[in-house]
């Protein structure tokens, strides 16, 4: 089995907190290496205290074992730290379809993104208002659209 086969299988492992996007599309899975029946998956969580970390490791391990490998190691790497720039275009589309506005790409200049207009994922209006800097998880903020009146979360640029 090729590394690409493993990557393809991992695209089926969904983020436990955002079940419409895979860990691959979130940019959390960084590398795959195989040596015989042993596979090492390198992952960088969105932050070191992520409450879904153990669940992600379990889901990764289970999916690789389903491919017929006998041993799976999931290495957590915190350097370089995860950035929302690693979310793929497909992942961004999935987040938006879910009603969670994806973060703007920032290339490391986070100061710019804090002043960017956040558009509504439902009607694409730029007439939005920040309601709370913290949403259902630390990496989300709550906004309201002044046009369609919908409340939505934005995945914060990190």
N, C-alpha and C. Protein backbone atom coordinates (compact mmCIF):
# COMPACT_ATOMS: atom_id res chain seq x y z
N UNK A 1 0.84 -1.17 0.00
CA UNK A 1 0.00 0.00 0.00
C UNK A 1 0.90 1.24 0.00
N UNK A 2 0.50 2.26 -0.74
CA UNK A 2 1.33 3.46 -0.85
C UNK A 2 0.98 4.48 0.25
N UNK A 3 1.88 5.44 0.40
CA UNK A 3 1.59 6.54 1.33
C UNK A 3 0.31 7.26 0.92
N UNK A 4 0.10 7.40 -0.38
CA UNK A 4 -1.11 8.08 -0.87
C UNK A 4 -2.37 7.33 -0.45
N UNK A 5 -2.31 5.99 -0.43
CA UNK A 5 -3.46 5.20 0.03
C UNK A 5 -3.78 5.53 1.49
N UNK A 6 -2.74 5.70 2.27
CA UNK A 6 -2.92 6.04 3.69
C UNK A 6 -3.51 7.44 3.80
N UNK A 7 -2.96 8.40 3.05
CA UNK A 7 -3.51 9.77 3.06
C UNK A 7 -4.99 9.75 2.66
N UNK A 8 -5.31 8.97 1.62
CA UNK A 8 -6.71 8.88 1.17
C UNK A 8 -7.61 8.36 2.28
N UNK A 9 -7.14 7.35 3.00
CA UNK A 9 -7.92 6.80 4.11
C UNK A 9 -8.10 7.84 5.22
N UNK A 10 -7.06 8.61 5.46
CA UNK A 10 -7.12 9.61 6.53
C UNK A 10 -8.06 10.77 6.19
N UNK A 11 -8.37 10.95 4.90
CA UNK A 11 -9.36 11.99 4.55
C UNK A 11 -10.75 11.62 5.04
N UNK A 12 -10.91 10.38 5.48
CA UNK A 12 -12.20 9.93 6.03
C UNK A 12 -12.28 10.14 7.54
N UNK A 13 -11.17 10.55 8.16
CA UNK A 13 -11.15 10.78 9.61
C UNK A 13 -11.56 12.23 9.85
N UNK A 14 -12.75 12.39 10.38
CA UNK A 14 -13.32 13.72 10.55
C UNK A 14 -12.90 14.33 11.89
N UNK A 15 -12.84 15.65 11.91
CA UNK A 15 -12.53 16.37 13.13
C UNK A 15 -13.68 16.13 14.11
N UNK A 16 -13.38 15.65 15.32
CA UNK A 16 -14.46 15.35 16.28
C UNK A 16 -15.29 16.58 16.66
N UNK A 17 -14.72 17.76 16.58
CA UNK A 17 -15.46 18.97 16.95
C UNK A 17 -16.15 19.62 15.77
N UNK A 18 -15.71 19.31 14.56
CA UNK A 18 -16.32 19.85 13.34
C UNK A 18 -16.47 18.68 12.37
N UNK A 19 -17.48 17.85 12.54
CA UNK A 19 -17.56 16.57 11.82
C UNK A 19 -17.78 16.64 10.32
N UNK A 20 -17.74 17.83 9.73
CA UNK A 20 -17.90 17.94 8.28
C UNK A 20 -16.56 18.13 7.58
N UNK A 21 -15.49 18.22 8.34
CA UNK A 21 -14.17 18.45 7.75
C UNK A 21 -13.18 17.43 8.31
N UNK A 22 -12.33 16.92 7.44
CA UNK A 22 -11.37 15.89 7.87
C UNK A 22 -10.16 16.51 8.55
N UNK A 23 -9.45 15.68 9.29
CA UNK A 23 -8.21 16.13 9.92
C UNK A 23 -7.17 16.49 8.88
N UNK A 24 -7.24 15.85 7.72
CA UNK A 24 -6.33 16.19 6.62
C UNK A 24 -6.66 17.60 6.11
N UNK A 25 -7.95 17.87 5.85
CA UNK A 25 -8.34 19.18 5.35
C UNK A 25 -8.15 20.30 6.38
N UNK A 26 -8.16 19.95 7.66
CA UNK A 26 -7.88 20.94 8.71
C UNK A 26 -6.38 21.22 8.81
N UNK A 27 -5.56 20.43 8.13
CA UNK A 27 -4.11 20.62 8.20
C UNK A 27 -3.51 20.06 9.48
N UNK A 28 -4.26 19.25 10.19
CA UNK A 28 -3.79 18.67 11.45
C UNK A 28 -2.84 17.50 11.19
N UNK A 29 -3.14 16.69 10.20
CA UNK A 29 -2.24 15.59 9.85
C UNK A 29 -1.16 16.16 8.94
N UNK A 30 0.07 16.03 9.39
CA UNK A 30 1.20 16.67 8.71
C UNK A 30 2.05 15.71 7.89
N UNK A 31 2.14 14.44 8.31
CA UNK A 31 3.01 13.51 7.59
C UNK A 31 2.56 12.08 7.86
N UNK A 32 2.91 11.22 6.91
CA UNK A 32 2.66 9.79 7.01
C UNK A 32 3.93 9.07 6.59
N UNK A 33 4.31 8.08 7.37
CA UNK A 33 5.50 7.29 7.04
C UNK A 33 5.19 5.83 7.38
N UNK A 34 5.54 4.95 6.48
CA UNK A 34 5.32 3.53 6.76
C UNK A 34 6.62 2.75 6.68
N UNK A 35 6.70 1.74 7.52
CA UNK A 35 7.85 0.84 7.56
C UNK A 35 7.29 -0.55 7.78
N UNK A 36 7.09 -1.28 6.69
CA UNK A 36 6.48 -2.60 6.79
C UNK A 36 5.05 -2.48 7.26
N UNK A 37 4.73 -3.15 8.38
CA UNK A 37 3.38 -3.11 8.94
C UNK A 37 3.18 -2.00 9.97
N UNK A 38 4.16 -1.10 10.07
CA UNK A 38 4.09 -0.01 11.04
C UNK A 38 3.90 1.31 10.28
N UNK A 39 2.93 2.10 10.73
CA UNK A 39 2.68 3.41 10.15
C UNK A 39 2.83 4.46 11.25
N UNK A 40 3.55 5.51 10.92
CA UNK A 40 3.67 6.66 11.82
C UNK A 40 2.94 7.83 11.18
N UNK A 41 1.98 8.37 11.92
CA UNK A 41 1.24 9.54 11.46
C UNK A 41 1.66 10.70 12.37
N UNK A 42 2.09 11.78 11.75
CA UNK A 42 2.47 12.97 12.50
C UNK A 42 1.33 13.96 12.43
N UNK A 43 0.94 14.45 13.60
CA UNK A 43 -0.16 15.41 13.65
C UNK A 43 0.24 16.61 14.49
N UNK A 44 -0.31 17.76 14.13
CA UNK A 44 -0.15 18.99 14.90
C UNK A 44 -1.54 19.46 15.28
N UNK A 45 -1.90 19.33 16.56
CA UNK A 45 -3.25 19.79 16.97
C UNK A 45 -3.36 21.30 16.85
N UNK A 46 -4.60 21.77 16.79
CA UNK A 46 -4.84 23.20 16.65
C UNK A 46 -4.26 23.97 17.84
N UNK A 47 -4.27 23.37 19.02
CA UNK A 47 -3.53 23.90 20.15
C UNK A 47 -3.24 22.76 21.11
N UNK A 48 -2.20 22.90 21.93
CA UNK A 48 -1.71 21.79 22.74
C UNK A 48 -2.74 21.27 23.73
N UNK A 49 -3.67 22.10 24.16
CA UNK A 49 -4.68 21.66 25.12
C UNK A 49 -5.99 21.28 24.47
N UNK A 50 -5.97 20.95 23.20
CA UNK A 50 -7.19 20.61 22.47
C UNK A 50 -7.93 19.46 23.17
N UNK A 51 -9.20 19.66 23.53
CA UNK A 51 -9.94 18.62 24.24
C UNK A 51 -10.22 17.38 23.39
N UNK A 52 -10.09 17.49 22.08
CA UNK A 52 -10.36 16.36 21.19
C UNK A 52 -9.09 15.58 20.82
N UNK A 53 -7.98 15.91 21.43
CA UNK A 53 -6.69 15.31 21.06
C UNK A 53 -6.70 13.78 21.16
N UNK A 54 -7.16 13.25 22.27
CA UNK A 54 -7.18 11.80 22.46
C UNK A 54 -8.12 11.15 21.45
N UNK A 55 -9.27 11.77 21.23
CA UNK A 55 -10.23 11.24 20.26
C UNK A 55 -9.63 11.24 18.85
N UNK A 56 -8.91 12.30 18.48
CA UNK A 56 -8.28 12.34 17.16
C UNK A 56 -7.26 11.21 17.01
N UNK A 57 -6.43 11.01 18.02
CA UNK A 57 -5.44 9.93 17.99
C UNK A 57 -6.12 8.59 17.81
N UNK A 58 -7.20 8.36 18.54
CA UNK A 58 -7.93 7.10 18.47
C UNK A 58 -8.50 6.89 17.07
N UNK A 59 -9.13 7.92 16.52
CA UNK A 59 -9.72 7.81 15.18
C UNK A 59 -8.66 7.54 14.11
N UNK A 60 -7.53 8.21 14.22
CA UNK A 60 -6.42 7.99 13.27
C UNK A 60 -5.95 6.55 13.37
N UNK A 61 -5.68 6.10 14.58
CA UNK A 61 -5.17 4.75 14.80
C UNK A 61 -6.16 3.71 14.26
N UNK A 62 -7.44 3.87 14.59
CA UNK A 62 -8.46 2.92 14.13
C UNK A 62 -8.52 2.85 12.61
N UNK A 63 -8.46 4.00 11.95
CA UNK A 63 -8.58 4.01 10.48
C UNK A 63 -7.39 3.33 9.82
N UNK A 64 -6.19 3.55 10.35
CA UNK A 64 -5.00 2.91 9.77
C UNK A 64 -5.03 1.41 10.02
N UNK A 65 -5.45 0.99 11.20
CA UNK A 65 -5.55 -0.44 11.49
C UNK A 65 -6.55 -1.12 10.56
N UNK A 66 -7.61 -0.41 10.17
CA UNK A 66 -8.59 -0.96 9.23
C UNK A 66 -7.96 -1.26 7.86
N UNK A 67 -6.86 -0.60 7.55
CA UNK A 67 -6.18 -0.85 6.28
C UNK A 67 -5.35 -2.12 6.31
N UNK A 68 -5.20 -2.71 7.50
CA UNK A 68 -4.46 -3.97 7.61
C UNK A 68 -3.08 -3.83 8.25
N UNK A 69 -2.71 -2.65 8.67
CA UNK A 69 -1.43 -2.48 9.34
C UNK A 69 -1.55 -2.99 10.77
N UNK A 70 -0.45 -3.48 11.31
CA UNK A 70 -0.49 -4.07 12.65
C UNK A 70 -0.08 -3.09 13.75
N UNK A 71 0.62 -2.02 13.38
CA UNK A 71 1.07 -1.07 14.39
C UNK A 71 0.95 0.35 13.85
N UNK A 72 0.42 1.22 14.70
CA UNK A 72 0.25 2.62 14.33
C UNK A 72 0.76 3.49 15.48
N UNK A 73 1.61 4.43 15.13
CA UNK A 73 2.08 5.42 16.09
C UNK A 73 1.58 6.78 15.63
N UNK A 74 1.00 7.53 16.56
CA UNK A 74 0.56 8.89 16.25
C UNK A 74 1.47 9.82 17.04
N UNK A 75 2.34 10.52 16.33
CA UNK A 75 3.24 11.48 16.95
C UNK A 75 2.62 12.86 16.93
N UNK A 76 2.63 13.51 18.09
CA UNK A 76 2.14 14.88 18.18
C UNK A 76 3.33 15.83 18.11
N UNK A 77 3.27 16.76 17.18
CA UNK A 77 4.34 17.74 17.00
C UNK A 77 3.73 19.13 17.19
N UNK A 78 4.34 19.91 18.07
CA UNK A 78 3.81 21.25 18.36
C UNK A 78 4.64 22.36 17.74
N UNK A 79 5.72 21.99 17.07
CA UNK A 79 6.59 22.99 16.45
C UNK A 79 6.90 22.55 15.03
N UNK A 80 6.51 23.30 14.03
CA UNK A 80 5.87 24.61 14.13
C UNK A 80 4.43 24.46 14.61
N UNK A 81 3.91 25.48 15.29
CA UNK A 81 2.53 25.40 15.77
C UNK A 81 1.56 25.43 14.60
N UNK A 82 0.41 24.78 14.83
CA UNK A 82 -0.65 24.75 13.82
C UNK A 82 -1.09 26.18 13.52
N UNK A 83 -1.43 26.41 12.28
CA UNK A 83 -1.97 27.69 11.86
C UNK A 83 -3.19 27.44 11.00
N UNK A 84 -4.15 28.33 11.09
CA UNK A 84 -5.36 28.19 10.27
C UNK A 84 -5.05 28.33 8.78
N UNK A 85 -3.88 28.82 8.43
CA UNK A 85 -3.46 28.85 7.03
C UNK A 85 -3.33 27.44 6.45
N UNK A 86 -3.17 26.44 7.31
CA UNK A 86 -3.01 25.06 6.85
C UNK A 86 -4.33 24.41 6.42
N UNK A 87 -5.45 25.05 6.71
CA UNK A 87 -6.74 24.50 6.28
C UNK A 87 -6.79 24.56 4.76
N UNK A 88 -7.10 23.44 4.13
CA UNK A 88 -7.14 23.38 2.67
C UNK A 88 -8.32 24.17 2.12
N UNK A 89 -8.30 24.44 0.83
CA UNK A 89 -9.43 25.11 0.18
C UNK A 89 -10.70 24.27 0.33
N UNK A 90 -10.55 22.96 0.19
CA UNK A 90 -11.70 22.06 0.35
C UNK A 90 -12.23 22.15 1.78
N UNK A 91 -11.34 22.17 2.76
CA UNK A 91 -11.74 22.29 4.15
C UNK A 91 -12.46 23.60 4.42
N UNK A 92 -11.97 24.68 3.82
CA UNK A 92 -12.62 25.99 3.98
C UNK A 92 -14.04 25.97 3.40
N UNK A 93 -14.19 25.32 2.27
CA UNK A 93 -15.52 25.21 1.66
C UNK A 93 -16.45 24.39 2.55
N UNK A 94 -15.93 23.32 3.14
CA UNK A 94 -16.73 22.47 4.03
C UNK A 94 -17.15 23.25 5.28
N UNK A 95 -16.23 24.02 5.85
CA UNK A 95 -16.55 24.83 7.02
C UNK A 95 -17.67 25.82 6.70
N UNK A 96 -17.54 26.49 5.56
CA UNK A 96 -18.54 27.49 5.18
C UNK A 96 -19.91 26.85 4.94
N UNK A 97 -19.92 25.69 4.27
CA UNK A 97 -21.18 24.99 4.02
C UNK A 97 -21.84 24.56 5.33
N UNK A 98 -21.03 24.32 6.35
CA UNK A 98 -21.50 23.93 7.67
C UNK A 98 -22.05 25.13 8.45
N UNK A 99 -21.76 26.35 7.95
CA UNK A 99 -22.20 27.57 8.62
C UNK A 99 -21.16 28.16 9.54
N UNK A 100 -19.93 27.70 9.41
CA UNK A 100 -18.81 28.19 10.21
C UNK A 100 -17.87 28.94 9.29
N UNK A 101 -17.82 30.26 9.42
CA UNK A 101 -17.01 31.06 8.51
C UNK A 101 -15.53 30.71 8.68
N UNK A 102 -14.88 30.28 7.61
CA UNK A 102 -13.46 29.96 7.71
C UNK A 102 -12.62 31.22 7.90
N UNK A 103 -11.48 31.08 8.53
CA UNK A 103 -10.62 32.24 8.73
C UNK A 103 -9.95 32.68 7.44
N UNK A 104 -9.64 33.95 7.38
CA UNK A 104 -8.88 34.45 6.23
C UNK A 104 -7.45 33.91 6.31
N UNK A 105 -6.84 33.73 5.18
CA UNK A 105 -5.41 33.38 5.17
C UNK A 105 -4.64 34.62 5.55
N UNK A 106 -3.64 34.46 6.38
CA UNK A 106 -2.92 35.61 6.92
C UNK A 106 -1.42 35.56 6.72
N UNK A 107 -0.88 34.42 6.36
CA UNK A 107 0.56 34.32 6.12
C UNK A 107 1.41 34.69 7.32
N UNK A 108 0.84 34.57 8.51
CA UNK A 108 1.59 34.88 9.72
C UNK A 108 1.36 36.27 10.27
N UNK A 109 0.70 37.14 9.51
CA UNK A 109 0.43 38.50 9.97
C UNK A 109 -0.97 38.54 10.57
N UNK A 110 -1.08 38.12 11.83
CA UNK A 110 -2.38 38.02 12.48
C UNK A 110 -2.99 39.38 12.80
N UNK A 111 -2.19 40.42 12.90
CA UNK A 111 -2.75 41.74 13.20
C UNK A 111 -3.73 42.19 12.13
N UNK A 112 -3.43 41.88 10.91
CA UNK A 112 -4.30 42.28 9.81
C UNK A 112 -5.65 41.60 9.92
N UNK A 113 -5.68 40.32 10.27
CA UNK A 113 -6.93 39.56 10.27
C UNK A 113 -7.90 40.00 11.35
N UNK A 114 -7.41 40.58 12.43
CA UNK A 114 -8.31 41.00 13.49
C UNK A 114 -9.13 42.22 13.09
N UNK A 115 -8.74 42.90 12.04
CA UNK A 115 -9.47 44.06 11.57
C UNK A 115 -10.19 43.78 10.25
N UNK A 116 -10.06 42.57 9.75
CA UNK A 116 -10.74 42.19 8.51
C UNK A 116 -12.24 42.07 8.73
N UNK A 117 -12.97 42.33 7.69
CA UNK A 117 -14.41 42.12 7.71
C UNK A 117 -14.66 40.62 7.66
N UNK A 118 -15.55 40.14 8.49
CA UNK A 118 -15.94 38.73 8.49
C UNK A 118 -17.29 38.65 7.79
N UNK A 119 -17.33 37.94 6.69
CA UNK A 119 -18.59 37.83 5.94
C UNK A 119 -19.44 36.69 6.48
N UNK A 120 -20.72 36.82 6.30
CA UNK A 120 -21.67 35.80 6.74
C UNK A 120 -21.54 34.56 5.84
N UNK A 121 -21.42 33.37 6.43
CA UNK A 121 -21.30 32.17 5.60
C UNK A 121 -22.61 31.79 4.91
N UNK A 122 -23.72 32.38 5.33
CA UNK A 122 -25.01 32.03 4.75
C UNK A 122 -25.39 32.93 3.57
N UNK A 123 -25.17 34.26 3.72
CA UNK A 123 -25.61 35.17 2.66
C UNK A 123 -24.46 35.99 2.07
N UNK A 124 -23.24 35.79 2.58
CA UNK A 124 -22.02 36.48 2.12
C UNK A 124 -22.03 37.98 2.36
N UNK A 125 -22.91 38.45 3.22
CA UNK A 125 -22.92 39.87 3.55
C UNK A 125 -21.70 40.24 4.38
N UNK A 126 -21.18 41.43 4.14
CA UNK A 126 -20.06 41.94 4.94
C UNK A 126 -20.57 42.79 6.10
N UNK A 127 -21.87 42.92 6.21
CA UNK A 127 -22.46 43.71 7.30
C UNK A 127 -22.67 42.81 8.51
N UNK A 128 -21.58 42.56 9.23
CA UNK A 128 -21.62 41.67 10.37
C UNK A 128 -21.07 42.37 11.61
N UNK A 129 -21.46 41.85 12.77
CA UNK A 129 -21.03 42.42 14.04
C UNK A 129 -20.52 41.31 14.95
N UNK A 130 -19.36 41.53 15.54
CA UNK A 130 -18.83 40.59 16.52
C UNK A 130 -19.68 40.66 17.78
N UNK A 131 -20.20 39.52 18.21
CA UNK A 131 -21.02 39.47 19.41
C UNK A 131 -20.23 38.95 20.61
N UNK A 132 -19.31 38.03 20.37
CA UNK A 132 -18.51 37.48 21.45
C UNK A 132 -17.23 36.92 20.88
N UNK A 133 -16.10 37.25 21.48
CA UNK A 133 -14.80 36.78 20.99
C UNK A 133 -14.60 35.28 21.20
N UNK A 134 -15.46 34.68 22.01
CA UNK A 134 -15.34 33.24 22.27
C UNK A 134 -16.64 32.56 21.96
N UNK A 135 -16.54 31.53 21.12
CA UNK A 135 -17.71 30.75 20.73
C UNK A 135 -17.77 29.46 21.51
N UNK A 136 -18.26 28.41 20.85
CA UNK A 136 -18.43 27.11 21.51
C UNK A 136 -17.09 26.45 21.84
N UNK A 137 -16.05 26.87 21.17
CA UNK A 137 -14.69 26.43 21.50
C UNK A 137 -13.79 27.67 21.47
N UNK A 138 -12.60 27.55 22.02
CA UNK A 138 -11.68 28.68 22.09
C UNK A 138 -11.29 29.22 20.72
N UNK A 139 -11.35 28.36 19.70
CA UNK A 139 -10.90 28.78 18.37
C UNK A 139 -12.03 29.39 17.53
N UNK A 140 -13.16 29.69 18.15
CA UNK A 140 -14.28 30.27 17.42
C UNK A 140 -14.76 31.57 18.07
N UNK A 141 -15.33 32.44 17.27
CA UNK A 141 -15.95 33.68 17.74
C UNK A 141 -17.37 33.72 17.21
N UNK A 142 -18.25 34.43 17.93
CA UNK A 142 -19.66 34.51 17.54
C UNK A 142 -19.94 35.86 16.89
N UNK A 143 -20.56 35.80 15.71
CA UNK A 143 -20.90 37.00 14.94
C UNK A 143 -22.38 36.99 14.62
N UNK A 144 -22.91 38.15 14.26
CA UNK A 144 -24.27 38.24 13.77
C UNK A 144 -24.27 39.00 12.46
N UNK A 145 -25.05 38.50 11.51
CA UNK A 145 -25.21 39.16 10.23
C UNK A 145 -26.33 40.19 10.35
N UNK A 146 -26.04 41.41 9.96
CA UNK A 146 -27.03 42.47 10.04
C UNK A 146 -28.02 42.44 8.88
N UNK A 147 -27.71 41.66 7.84
CA UNK A 147 -28.64 41.55 6.71
C UNK A 147 -29.62 40.40 6.91
N UNK A 148 -29.11 39.17 7.06
CA UNK A 148 -30.01 38.02 7.20
C UNK A 148 -30.38 37.73 8.65
N UNK A 149 -29.75 38.46 9.59
CA UNK A 149 -30.03 38.34 11.02
C UNK A 149 -29.62 37.00 11.62
N UNK A 150 -28.86 36.21 10.89
CA UNK A 150 -28.39 34.93 11.41
C UNK A 150 -27.17 35.15 12.30
N UNK A 151 -27.10 34.37 13.36
CA UNK A 151 -25.91 34.33 14.20
C UNK A 151 -25.05 33.19 13.67
N UNK A 152 -23.75 33.41 13.61
CA UNK A 152 -22.86 32.36 13.11
C UNK A 152 -21.53 32.43 13.84
N UNK A 153 -20.79 31.34 13.75
CA UNK A 153 -19.46 31.31 14.33
C UNK A 153 -18.42 31.48 13.23
N UNK A 154 -17.33 32.08 13.62
CA UNK A 154 -16.18 32.20 12.73
C UNK A 154 -15.06 31.41 13.36
N UNK A 155 -14.38 30.61 12.54
CA UNK A 155 -13.17 29.95 12.99
C UNK A 155 -12.10 31.03 13.03
N UNK A 156 -11.54 31.29 14.18
CA UNK A 156 -10.58 32.38 14.33
C UNK A 156 -9.29 32.12 13.54
N UNK A 157 -8.71 33.14 12.99
CA UNK A 157 -7.41 32.97 12.35
C UNK A 157 -6.36 32.75 13.46
N UNK A 158 -5.64 31.70 13.34
CA UNK A 158 -4.61 31.36 14.32
C UNK A 158 -3.28 31.16 13.63
